[in-house]
């Protein structure tokens, strides 16, 4: 599967499989190095996805993302008093 069509869960599962194979220490050097490189790329991609998800959740939790109308109503009420 290409990197763009794999889900986070698929990448994480593949990474787990790579770790298991590397831990067995029964691979030819070239194959081990290739798997190690693939694992690093998968780990980097998963980390980036997690960071983006964390950021998205933080934005929603902090209320930084709100409806335009709700924001406008709040501003209008303040300006009416002043």
PDB file of N, CA and C in Angstrom:
ATOM      1  N   UNK A   1       0.826  -1.177   0.000  1.00  0.00           N
ATOM      2  CA  UNK A   1       0.000   0.000   0.000  1.00  0.00           C
ATOM      3  C   UNK A   1       0.872   1.243   0.000  1.00  0.00           C
ATOM      4  N   UNK A   2       0.408   2.277  -0.652  1.00  0.00           N
ATOM      5  CA  UNK A   2       1.190   3.500  -0.647  1.00  0.00           C
ATOM      6  C   UNK A   2       0.958   4.245   0.662  1.00  0.00           C
ATOM      7  N   UNK A   3       1.901   5.096   0.991  1.00  0.00           N
ATOM      8  CA  UNK A   3       1.860   5.826   2.252  1.00  0.00           C
ATOM      9  C   UNK A   3       0.596   6.675   2.375  1.00  0.00           C
ATOM     10  N   UNK A   4       0.113   7.211   1.283  1.00  0.00           N
ATOM     11  CA  UNK A   4      -1.035   8.116   1.320  1.00  0.00           C
ATOM     12  C   UNK A   4      -2.354   7.401   1.579  1.00  0.00           C
ATOM     13  N   UNK A   5      -2.456   6.133   1.237  1.00  0.00           N
ATOM     14  CA  UNK A   5      -3.725   5.440   1.406  1.00  0.00           C
ATOM     15  C   UNK A   5      -3.790   4.635   2.698  1.00  0.00           C
ATOM     16  N   UNK A   6      -2.680   4.517   3.402  1.00  0.00           N
ATOM     17  CA  UNK A   6      -2.673   3.774   4.652  1.00  0.00           C
ATOM     18  C   UNK A   6      -3.200   4.634   5.790  1.00  0.00           C
ATOM     19  N   UNK A   7      -3.994   4.022   6.635  1.00  0.00           N
ATOM     20  CA  UNK A   7      -4.483   4.730   7.812  1.00  0.00           C
ATOM     21  C   UNK A   7      -3.410   4.720   8.895  1.00  0.00           C
ATOM     22  N   UNK A   8      -3.622   5.513   9.918  1.00  0.00           N
ATOM     23  CA  UNK A   8      -2.707   5.547  11.049  1.00  0.00           C
ATOM     24  C   UNK A   8      -2.580   4.146  11.644  1.00  0.00           C
ATOM     25  N   UNK A   9      -3.711   3.480  11.803  1.00  0.00           N
ATOM     26  CA  UNK A   9      -3.717   2.150  12.415  1.00  0.00           C
ATOM     27  C   UNK A   9      -2.942   1.141  11.572  1.00  0.00           C
ATOM     28  N   UNK A  10      -3.070   1.235  10.248  1.00  0.00           N
ATOM     29  CA  UNK A  10      -2.327   0.335   9.361  1.00  0.00           C
ATOM     30  C   UNK A  10      -0.825   0.581   9.467  1.00  0.00           C
ATOM     31  N   UNK A  11      -0.445   1.848   9.527  1.00  0.00           N
ATOM     32  CA  UNK A  11       0.980   2.176   9.666  1.00  0.00           C
ATOM     33  C   UNK A  11       1.527   1.675  10.998  1.00  0.00           C
ATOM     34  N   UNK A  12       0.755   1.862  12.047  1.00  0.00           N
ATOM     35  CA  UNK A  12       1.180   1.431  13.371  1.00  0.00           C
ATOM     36  C   UNK A  12       1.309  -0.096  13.433  1.00  0.00           C
ATOM     37  N   UNK A  13       0.382  -0.786  12.807  1.00  0.00           N
ATOM     38  CA  UNK A  13       0.445  -2.251  12.758  1.00  0.00           C
ATOM     39  C   UNK A  13       1.675  -2.716  11.991  1.00  0.00           C
ATOM     40  N   UNK A  14       1.952  -2.074  10.870  1.00  0.00           N
ATOM     41  CA  UNK A  14       3.138  -2.409  10.076  1.00  0.00           C
ATOM     42  C   UNK A  14       4.402  -2.148  10.890  1.00  0.00           C
ATOM     43  N   UNK A  15       4.437  -1.042  11.603  1.00  0.00           N
ATOM     44  CA  UNK A  15       5.588  -0.709  12.436  1.00  0.00           C
ATOM     45  C   UNK A  15       5.784  -1.772  13.514  1.00  0.00           C
ATOM     46  N   UNK A  16       4.704  -2.219  14.125  1.00  0.00           N
ATOM     47  CA  UNK A  16       4.793  -3.284  15.125  1.00  0.00           C
ATOM     48  C   UNK A  16       5.357  -4.569  14.535  1.00  0.00           C
ATOM     49  N   UNK A  17       4.945  -4.906  13.321  1.00  0.00           N
ATOM     50  CA  UNK A  17       5.467  -6.091  12.647  1.00  0.00           C
ATOM     51  C   UNK A  17       6.956  -5.976  12.365  1.00  0.00           C
ATOM     52  N   UNK A  18       7.371  -4.789  11.971  1.00  0.00           N
ATOM     53  CA  UNK A  18       8.798  -4.549  11.704  1.00  0.00           C
ATOM     54  C   UNK A  18       9.602  -4.721  12.984  1.00  0.00           C
ATOM     55  N   UNK A  19       9.104  -4.149  14.073  1.00  0.00           N
ATOM     56  CA  UNK A  19       9.809  -4.257  15.358  1.00  0.00           C
ATOM     57  C   UNK A  19       9.948  -5.723  15.753  1.00  0.00           C
ATOM     58  N   UNK A  20       8.875  -6.489  15.614  1.00  0.00           N
ATOM     59  CA  UNK A  20       8.931  -7.921  15.951  1.00  0.00           C
ATOM     60  C   UNK A  20       9.986  -8.647  15.128  1.00  0.00           C
ATOM     61  N   UNK A  21      10.005  -8.372  13.826  1.00  0.00           N
ATOM     62  CA  UNK A  21      10.986  -9.046  12.957  1.00  0.00           C
ATOM     63  C   UNK A  21      12.406  -8.648  13.318  1.00  0.00           C
ATOM     64  N   UNK A  22      12.623  -7.382  13.616  1.00  0.00           N
ATOM     65  CA  UNK A  22      13.970  -6.928  13.970  1.00  0.00           C
ATOM     66  C   UNK A  22      14.417  -7.508  15.312  1.00  0.00           C
ATOM     67  N   UNK A  23      13.488  -7.651  16.236  1.00  0.00           N
ATOM     68  CA  UNK A  23      13.839  -8.179  17.558  1.00  0.00           C
ATOM     69  C   UNK A  23      14.226  -9.658  17.516  1.00  0.00           C
ATOM     70  N   UNK A  24      13.767 -10.370  16.524  1.00  0.00           N
ATOM     71  CA  UNK A  24      14.121 -11.795  16.397  1.00  0.00           C
ATOM     72  C   UNK A  24      15.577 -11.998  16.008  1.00  0.00           C
ATOM     73  N   UNK A  25      16.217 -10.971  15.441  1.00  0.00           N
ATOM     74  CA  UNK A  25      17.634 -11.026  15.051  1.00  0.00           C
ATOM     75  C   UNK A  25      17.957 -12.157  14.084  1.00  0.00           C
ATOM     76  N   UNK A  26      17.036 -12.528  13.248  1.00  0.00           N
ATOM     77  CA  UNK A  26      17.281 -13.625  12.313  1.00  0.00           C
ATOM     78  C   UNK A  26      17.174 -13.151  10.866  1.00  0.00           C
ATOM     79  N   UNK A  27      17.492 -11.904  10.615  1.00  0.00           N
ATOM     80  CA  UNK A  27      17.396 -11.344   9.273  1.00  0.00           C
ATOM     81  C   UNK A  27      18.782 -11.121   8.688  1.00  0.00           C
ATOM     82  N   UNK A  28      18.891 -11.251   7.377  1.00  0.00           N
ATOM     83  CA  UNK A  28      20.142 -10.837   6.738  1.00  0.00           C
ATOM     84  C   UNK A  28      20.337  -9.336   6.965  1.00  0.00           C
ATOM     85  N   UNK A  29      21.562  -8.904   6.999  1.00  0.00           N
ATOM     86  CA  UNK A  29      21.893  -7.517   7.289  1.00  0.00           C
ATOM     87  C   UNK A  29      21.130  -6.546   6.395  1.00  0.00           C
ATOM     88  N   UNK A  30      21.140  -6.791   5.100  1.00  0.00           N
ATOM     89  CA  UNK A  30      20.507  -5.876   4.147  1.00  0.00           C
ATOM     90  C   UNK A  30      19.010  -5.745   4.420  1.00  0.00           C
ATOM     91  N   UNK A  31      18.361  -6.868   4.704  1.00  0.00           N
ATOM     92  CA  UNK A  31      16.927  -6.845   4.981  1.00  0.00           C
ATOM     93  C   UNK A  31      16.645  -6.119   6.301  1.00  0.00           C
ATOM     94  N   UNK A  32      17.488  -6.341   7.284  1.00  0.00           N
ATOM     95  CA  UNK A  32      17.333  -5.666   8.562  1.00  0.00           C
ATOM     96  C   UNK A  32      17.470  -4.157   8.435  1.00  0.00           C
ATOM     97  N   UNK A  33      18.443  -3.730   7.659  1.00  0.00           N
ATOM     98  CA  UNK A  33      18.649  -2.295   7.456  1.00  0.00           C
ATOM     99  C   UNK A  33      17.460  -1.692   6.707  1.00  0.00           C
ATOM    100  N   UNK A  34      16.973  -2.395   5.691  1.00  0.00           N
ATOM    101  CA  UNK A  34      15.822  -1.903   4.924  1.00  0.00           C
ATOM    102  C   UNK A  34      14.587  -1.792   5.826  1.00  0.00           C
ATOM    103  N   UNK A  35      14.359  -2.789   6.664  1.00  0.00           N
ATOM    104  CA  UNK A  35      13.231  -2.743   7.586  1.00  0.00           C
ATOM    105  C   UNK A  35      13.396  -1.622   8.608  1.00  0.00           C
ATOM    106  N   UNK A  36      14.613  -1.432   9.082  1.00  0.00           N
ATOM    107  CA  UNK A  36      14.885  -0.360  10.033  1.00  0.00           C
ATOM    108  C   UNK A  36      14.549   1.001   9.420  1.00  0.00           C
ATOM    109  N   UNK A  37      14.981   1.213   8.172  1.00  0.00           N
ATOM    110  CA  UNK A  37      14.691   2.472   7.484  1.00  0.00           C
ATOM    111  C   UNK A  37      13.190   2.671   7.307  1.00  0.00           C
ATOM    112  N   UNK A  38      12.497   1.604   6.909  1.00  0.00           N
ATOM    113  CA  UNK A  38      11.042   1.688   6.737  1.00  0.00           C
ATOM    114  C   UNK A  38      10.380   2.013   8.080  1.00  0.00           C
ATOM    115  N   UNK A  39      10.865   1.384   9.137  1.00  0.00           N
ATOM    116  CA  UNK A  39      10.325   1.637  10.471  1.00  0.00           C
ATOM    117  C   UNK A  39      10.502   3.077  10.898  1.00  0.00           C
ATOM    118  N   UNK A  40      11.663   3.650  10.615  1.00  0.00           N
ATOM    119  CA  UNK A  40      11.896   5.056  10.950  1.00  0.00           C
ATOM    120  C   UNK A  40      10.921   5.971  10.213  1.00  0.00           C
ATOM    121  N   UNK A  41      10.699   5.687   8.942  1.00  0.00           N
ATOM    122  CA  UNK A  41       9.767   6.493   8.155  1.00  0.00           C
ATOM    123  C   UNK A  41       8.341   6.351   8.698  1.00  0.00           C
ATOM    124  N   UNK A  42       7.955   5.123   9.014  1.00  0.00           N
ATOM    125  CA  UNK A  42       6.615   4.898   9.574  1.00  0.00           C
ATOM    126  C   UNK A  42       6.459   5.606  10.917  1.00  0.00           C
ATOM    127  N   UNK A  43       7.475   5.519  11.761  1.00  0.00           N
ATOM    128  CA  UNK A  43       7.419   6.175  13.069  1.00  0.00           C
ATOM    129  C   UNK A  43       7.287   7.685  12.900  1.00  0.00           C
ATOM    130  N   UNK A  44       8.033   8.251  11.972  1.00  0.00           N
ATOM    131  CA  UNK A  44       7.975   9.698  11.723  1.00  0.00           C
ATOM    132  C   UNK A  44       6.581  10.099  11.240  1.00  0.00           C
ATOM    133  N   UNK A  45       6.028   9.330  10.319  1.00  0.00           N
ATOM    134  CA  UNK A  45       4.704   9.623   9.782  1.00  0.00           C
ATOM    135  C   UNK A  45       3.636   9.518  10.867  1.00  0.00           C
ATOM    136  N   UNK A  46       3.715   8.474  11.683  1.00  0.00           N
ATOM    137  CA  UNK A  46       2.759   8.303  12.779  1.00  0.00           C
ATOM    138  C   UNK A  46       2.877   9.444  13.787  1.00  0.00           C
ATOM    139  N   UNK A  47       4.096   9.837  14.110  1.00  0.00           N
ATOM    140  CA  UNK A  47       4.313  10.935  15.047  1.00  0.00           C
ATOM    141  C   UNK A  47       3.714  12.231  14.511  1.00  0.00           C
ATOM    142  N   UNK A  48       3.896  12.482  13.227  1.00  0.00           N
ATOM    143  CA  UNK A  48       3.339  13.697  12.618  1.00  0.00           C
ATOM    144  C   UNK A  48       1.817  13.676  12.659  1.00  0.00           C
ATOM    145  N   UNK A  49       1.228  12.498  12.382  1.00  0.00           N
ATOM    146  CA  UNK A  49      -0.225  12.376  12.441  1.00  0.00           C
ATOM    147  C   UNK A  49      -0.736  12.604  13.858  1.00  0.00           C
ATOM    148  N   UNK A  50      -0.044  12.051  14.848  1.00  0.00           N
ATOM    149  CA  UNK A  50      -0.444  12.237  16.245  1.00  0.00           C
ATOM    150  C   UNK A  50      -0.337  13.701  16.656  1.00  0.00           C
ATOM    151  N   UNK A  51       0.744  14.354  16.249  1.00  0.00           N
ATOM    152  CA  UNK A  51       0.919  15.769  16.572  1.00  0.00           C
ATOM    153  C   UNK A  51      -0.209  16.606  15.975  1.00  0.00           C
ATOM    154  N   UNK A  52      -0.577  16.312  14.744  1.00  0.00           N
ATOM    155  CA  UNK A  52      -1.667  17.044  14.090  1.00  0.00           C
ATOM    156  C   UNK A  52      -2.980  16.785  14.808  1.00  0.00           C
ATOM    157  N   UNK A  53      -3.243  15.537  15.171  1.00  0.00           N
ATOM    158  CA  UNK A  53      -4.476  15.211  15.884  1.00  0.00           C
ATOM    159  C   UNK A  53      -4.516  15.908  17.240  1.00  0.00           C
ATOM    160  N   UNK A  54      -3.391  15.909  17.962  1.00  0.00           N
ATOM    161  CA  UNK A  54      -3.313  16.595  19.254  1.00  0.00           C
ATOM    162  C   UNK A  54      -3.612  18.080  19.100  1.00  0.00           C
ATOM    163  N   UNK A  55      -3.046  18.680  18.081  1.00  0.00           N
ATOM    164  CA  UNK A  55      -3.271  20.095  17.815  1.00  0.00           C
ATOM    165  C   UNK A  55      -4.745  20.366  17.509  1.00  0.00           C
ATOM    166  N   UNK A  56      -5.349  19.516  16.684  1.00  0.00           N
ATOM    167  CA  UNK A  56      -6.767  19.679  16.352  1.00  0.00           C
ATOM    168  C   UNK A  56      -7.632  19.578  17.601  1.00  0.00           C
ATOM    169  N   UNK A  57      -7.348  18.608  18.455  1.00  0.00           N
ATOM    170  CA  UNK A  57      -8.120  18.430  19.686  1.00  0.00           C
ATOM    171  C   UNK A  57      -7.943  19.650  20.592  1.00  0.00           C
ATOM    172  N   UNK A  58      -6.728  20.133  20.698  1.00  0.00           N
ATOM    173  CA  UNK A  58      -6.465  21.311  21.539  1.00  0.00           C
ATOM    174  C   UNK A  58      -7.240  22.516  21.036  1.00  0.00           C
ATOM    175  N   UNK A  59      -7.282  22.704  19.742  1.00  0.00           N
ATOM    176  CA  UNK A  59      -8.020  23.828  19.162  1.00  0.00           C
ATOM    177  C   UNK A  59      -9.493  23.737  19.553  1.00  0.00           C
ATOM    178  N   UNK A  60     -10.078  22.556  19.454  1.00  0.00           N
ATOM    179  CA  UNK A  60     -11.484  22.391  19.804  1.00  0.00           C
ATOM    180  C   UNK A  60     -11.700  22.543  21.310  1.00  0.00           C
ATOM    181  N   UNK A  61     -10.816  21.991  22.113  1.00  0.00           N
ATOM    182  CA  UNK A  61     -10.955  22.082  23.564  1.00  0.00           C
ATOM    183  C   UNK A  61     -10.835  23.514  24.060  1.00  0.00           C
ATOM    184  N   UNK A  62      -9.920  24.254  23.504  1.00  0.00           N
ATOM    185  CA  UNK A  62      -9.683  25.623  23.950  1.00  0.00           C
ATOM    186  C   UNK A  62     -10.713  26.606  23.396  1.00  0.00           C
ATOM    187  N   UNK A  63     -11.599  26.120  22.554  1.00  0.00           N
ATOM    188  CA  UNK A  63     -12.619  26.991  21.995  1.00  0.00           C
ATOM    189  C   UNK A  63     -12.074  27.969  20.980  1.00  0.00           C
ATOM    190  N   UNK A  64     -10.929  27.650  20.433  1.00  0.00           N
ATOM    191  CA  UNK A  64     -10.333  28.550  19.449  1.00  0.00           C
ATOM    192  C   UNK A  64     -11.052  28.480  18.116  1.00  0.00           C
ATOM    193  N   UNK A  65     -11.810  27.424  17.954  1.00  0.00           N
ATOM    194  CA  UNK A  65     -12.566  27.255  16.724  1.00  0.00           C
ATOM    195  C   UNK A  65     -14.039  27.355  17.098  1.00  0.00           C
ATOM    196  N   UNK A  66     -14.693  28.435  16.700  1.00  0.00           N
ATOM    197  CA  UNK A  66     -16.099  28.597  17.037  1.00  0.00           C
ATOM    198  C   UNK A  66     -16.831  29.142  15.810  1.00  0.00           C
ATOM    199  N   UNK A  67     -18.139  29.066  15.875  1.00  0.00           N
ATOM    200  CA  UNK A  67     -18.955  29.549  14.769  1.00  0.00           C
ATOM    201  C   UNK A  67     -18.760  31.046  14.590  1.00  0.00           C
ATOM    202  N   UNK A  68     -18.740  31.477  13.372  1.00  0.00           N
ATOM    203  CA  UNK A  68     -18.568  32.894  13.071  1.00  0.00           C
ATOM    204  C   UNK A  68     -19.701  33.718  13.679  1.00  0.00           C
ATOM    205  N   UNK A  69     -20.945  33.204  13.586  1.00  0.00           N
ATOM    206  CA  UNK A  69     -22.099  33.926  14.113  1.00  0.00           C
ATOM    207  C   UNK A  69     -22.003  34.086  15.624  1.00  0.00           C
ATOM    208  N   UNK A  70     -21.569  33.033  16.324  1.00  0.00           N
ATOM    209  CA  UNK A  70     -21.445  33.100  17.777  1.00  0.00           C
ATOM    210  C   UNK A  70     -20.416  34.162  18.156  1.00  0.00           C
ATOM    211  N   UNK A  71     -19.337  34.222  17.442  1.00  0.00           N
ATOM    212  CA  UNK A  71     -18.291  35.210  17.711  1.00  0.00           C
ATOM    213  C   UNK A  71     -18.829  36.618  17.440  1.00  0.00           C
ATOM    214  N   UNK A  72     -19.590  36.754  16.387  1.00  0.00           N
ATOM    215  CA  UNK A  72     -20.148  38.037  15.995  1.00  0.00           C
ATOM    216  C   UNK A  72     -21.146  38.522  17.053  1.00  0.00           C
ATOM    217  N   UNK A  73     -21.996  37.606  17.569  1.00  0.00           N
ATOM    218  CA  UNK A  73     -22.981  37.967  18.596  1.00  0.00           C
ATOM    219  C   UNK A  73     -22.283  38.469  19.847  1.00  0.00           C
ATOM    220  N   UNK A  74     -21.213  37.789  20.252  1.00  0.00           N
ATOM    221  CA  UNK A  74     -20.482  38.207  21.439  1.00  0.00           C
ATOM    222  C   UNK A  74     -19.886  39.589  21.259  1.00  0.00           C
ATOM    223  N   UNK A  75     -19.337  39.863  20.098  1.00  0.00           N
ATOM    224  CA  UNK A  75     -18.748  41.185  19.829  1.00  0.00           C
ATOM    225  C   UNK A  75     -19.819  42.248  19.784  1.00  0.00           C
ATOM    226  N   UNK A  76     -20.970  41.934  19.200  1.00  0.00           N
ATOM    227  CA  UNK A  76     -22.069  42.893  19.064  1.00  0.00           C
ATOM    228  C   UNK A  76     -22.596  43.315  20.419  1.00  0.00           C
ATOM    229  N   UNK A  77     -22.687  42.375  21.351  1.00  0.00           N
ATOM    230  CA  UNK A  77     -23.193  42.674  22.691  1.00  0.00           C
ATOM    231  C   UNK A  77     -22.230  43.616  23.403  1.00  0.00           C
ATOM    232  N   UNK A  78     -20.950  43.409  23.221  1.00  0.00           N
ATOM    233  CA  UNK A  78     -19.969  44.273  23.867  1.00  0.00           C
ATOM    234  C   UNK A  78     -20.032  45.692  23.308  1.00  0.00           C
ATOM    235  N   UNK A  79     -20.197  45.805  22.004  1.00  0.00           N
ATOM    236  CA  UNK A  79     -20.215  47.106  21.369  1.00  0.00           C
ATOM    237  C   UNK A  79     -21.498  47.870  21.708  1.00  0.00           C
ATOM    238  N   UNK A  80     -22.599  47.157  21.954  1.00  0.00           N
ATOM    239  CA  UNK A  80     -23.861  47.806  22.287  1.00  0.00           C
ATOM    240  C   UNK A  80     -23.761  48.512  23.640  1.00  0.00           C
ATOM    241  N   UNK A  81     -22.961  47.918  24.571  1.00  0.00           N
ATOM    242  CA  UNK A  81     -22.807  48.519  25.892  1.00  0.00           C
ATOM    243  C   UNK A  81     -21.939  49.775  25.839  1.00  0.00           C
ATOM    244  N   UNK A  82     -21.023  49.807  24.894  1.00  0.00           N
ATOM    245  CA  UNK A  82     -20.028  50.882  24.881  1.00  0.00           C
ATOM    246  C   UNK A  82     -20.366  52.002  24.031  1.00  0.00           C
TER     247      UNK A  82
END
